[in-house]
Protein backbone atom coordinates (compact mmCIF):
# COMPACT_ATOMS: atom_id res chain seq x y z
CA MET A 1 -13.03 -7.18 -9.15
CA ILE A 2 -13.66 -7.91 -5.88
CA THR A 3 -12.91 -5.49 -3.40
CA ALA A 4 -11.22 -7.14 -0.32
CA SER A 5 -10.83 -5.97 3.65
CA LYS A 6 -8.05 -7.32 3.83
CA THR A 7 -5.32 -8.86 1.41
CA ARG A 8 -1.27 -9.81 1.75
CA VAL A 9 1.53 -10.44 -0.42
CA LEU A 10 4.33 -12.48 -0.43
CA SER A 11 6.18 -12.58 -3.30
CA THR A 12 10.02 -12.51 -4.69
CA VAL A 13 10.57 -9.31 -7.27
CA LYS A 14 13.49 -8.14 -8.20
CA LYS A 15 14.88 -4.74 -6.54
CA ASP A 16 13.89 -2.17 -9.50
CA GLU A 17 10.24 -4.11 -8.71
CA ALA A 18 10.47 -3.74 -5.46
CA ALA A 19 11.58 0.17 -5.66
CA PHE A 20 8.46 0.54 -8.03
CA TYR A 21 6.02 -0.84 -5.70
CA LEU A 22 7.06 1.19 -2.54
CA ASN A 23 7.55 4.61 -5.14
CA GLU A 24 3.79 4.16 -6.14
CA LEU A 25 2.55 3.78 -2.60
CA ALA A 26 4.34 6.63 -1.59
CA ARG A 27 2.52 8.73 -4.47
CA GLY A 28 -0.75 6.91 -3.60
CA LEU A 29 -0.11 8.98 0.10
CA LEU A 30 0.69 11.59 -1.09
CA LYS A 31 -2.49 11.83 -3.36
CA ASP A 32 -4.45 10.73 -0.25
CA ARG A 33 -5.76 7.51 -1.60
CA VAL A 34 -4.25 3.85 -2.40
CA SER A 35 -5.15 1.53 -3.83
CA ILE A 36 -3.17 -2.17 -3.56
CA ARG A 37 -4.05 -4.93 -5.94
CA VAL A 38 -3.20 -8.35 -6.23
CA GLY A 39 -4.55 -10.92 -8.78
CA ASP A 40 -8.66 -9.71 -8.84
CA GLN A 41 -8.46 -8.58 -5.26
CA THR A 42 -7.95 -4.55 -4.86
CA LEU A 43 -7.96 -3.08 -1.22
CA VAL A 44 -8.88 1.31 -1.85
CA PHE A 45 -8.97 3.24 0.40
CA ASP A 46 -8.13 7.55 1.62
CA THR A 47 -5.60 8.79 3.70
CA PHE A 48 -5.49 11.50 6.20
CA GLU A 49 -2.57 14.63 7.28
CA THR A 50 -1.35 11.97 10.43
CA ILE A 51 -0.19 8.23 9.45
CA ARG A 52 1.49 5.93 12.63
CA LEU A 53 4.99 5.30 10.77
CA GLU A 54 7.12 2.19 12.08
CA MET A 55 10.38 0.91 10.84
CA MET A 56 12.38 -1.65 11.76
CA ALA A 57 15.73 -3.42 10.59
CA SER A 58 16.61 -6.97 10.96
CA GLU A 59 20.02 -8.82 10.20
CA LYS A 60 20.14 -12.49 10.20
CA LYS A 61 23.30 -14.41 9.22
CA ARG A 62 23.08 -13.75 5.93
CA GLN A 63 19.18 -12.31 5.37
CA TYR A 64 18.10 -8.75 5.65
CA ALA A 65 15.16 -7.73 6.30
CA VAL A 66 12.90 -4.39 6.54
CA GLU A 67 9.45 -4.16 7.41
CA ILE A 68 7.60 -1.24 6.92
CA ARG A 69 4.25 -0.64 8.49
CA LEU A 70 2.12 2.55 7.87
CA ALA A 71 -1.43 2.87 9.84
CA TRP A 72 -4.19 5.79 10.58
CA ARG A 73 -7.42 6.23 11.40
CA LYS A 74 -10.52 6.89 9.62
CA THR A 75 -12.17 10.51 10.89
CA ALA A 76 -15.38 11.60 10.17
CA GLU A 77 -15.02 14.26 8.49
CA ALA A 78 -13.26 12.23 5.97
CA ALA A 79 -14.51 12.92 2.29
CA PRO A 80 -16.23 9.10 1.03
CA THR A 81 -14.16 7.09 -0.79
CA ASP A 82 -16.80 6.99 -3.40
CA THR A 83 -15.91 10.85 -5.39
CA PRO A 84 -13.95 9.87 -8.50
CA ASP A 85 -12.82 13.10 -9.10
CA ARG A 86 -11.15 13.62 -5.50
CA HIS A 87 -7.62 11.99 -5.86
CA PRO A 88 -6.87 9.86 -8.86
CA VAL A 89 -5.85 5.89 -7.52
CA THR A 90 -3.06 4.99 -6.95
CA ALA A 91 -2.75 1.11 -8.04
CA VAL A 92 0.06 -1.14 -6.68
CA ALA A 93 -0.23 -4.18 -8.85
CA VAL A 94 2.01 -7.35 -6.99
CA PRO A 95 2.42 -10.12 -8.69
CA HIS A 96 1.67 -13.68 -6.82
CA SER A 97 4.23 -15.50 -6.42
CA ALA A 98 5.22 -18.82 -7.64
């Protein structure tokens, strides 16, 4: 497994798969640790109490889009991410686009 510092996903999935990925992301946020895996790359990070949330929705002709962006800063008092028993990691494995 390669640990990435940045990863991006562009894939077409069924609606229930998209809902599953969003649900897993939410579970990770609530458990204070999120892991995003795309192929052989994984990005793991701790979450904190305050998170900036941006949402944008748009409609163009026959296409709808919803963008969600979450951001937070690391804090000096944050526990190290190499403490495996602190919080379980929620892995969101995203399929590659064909």
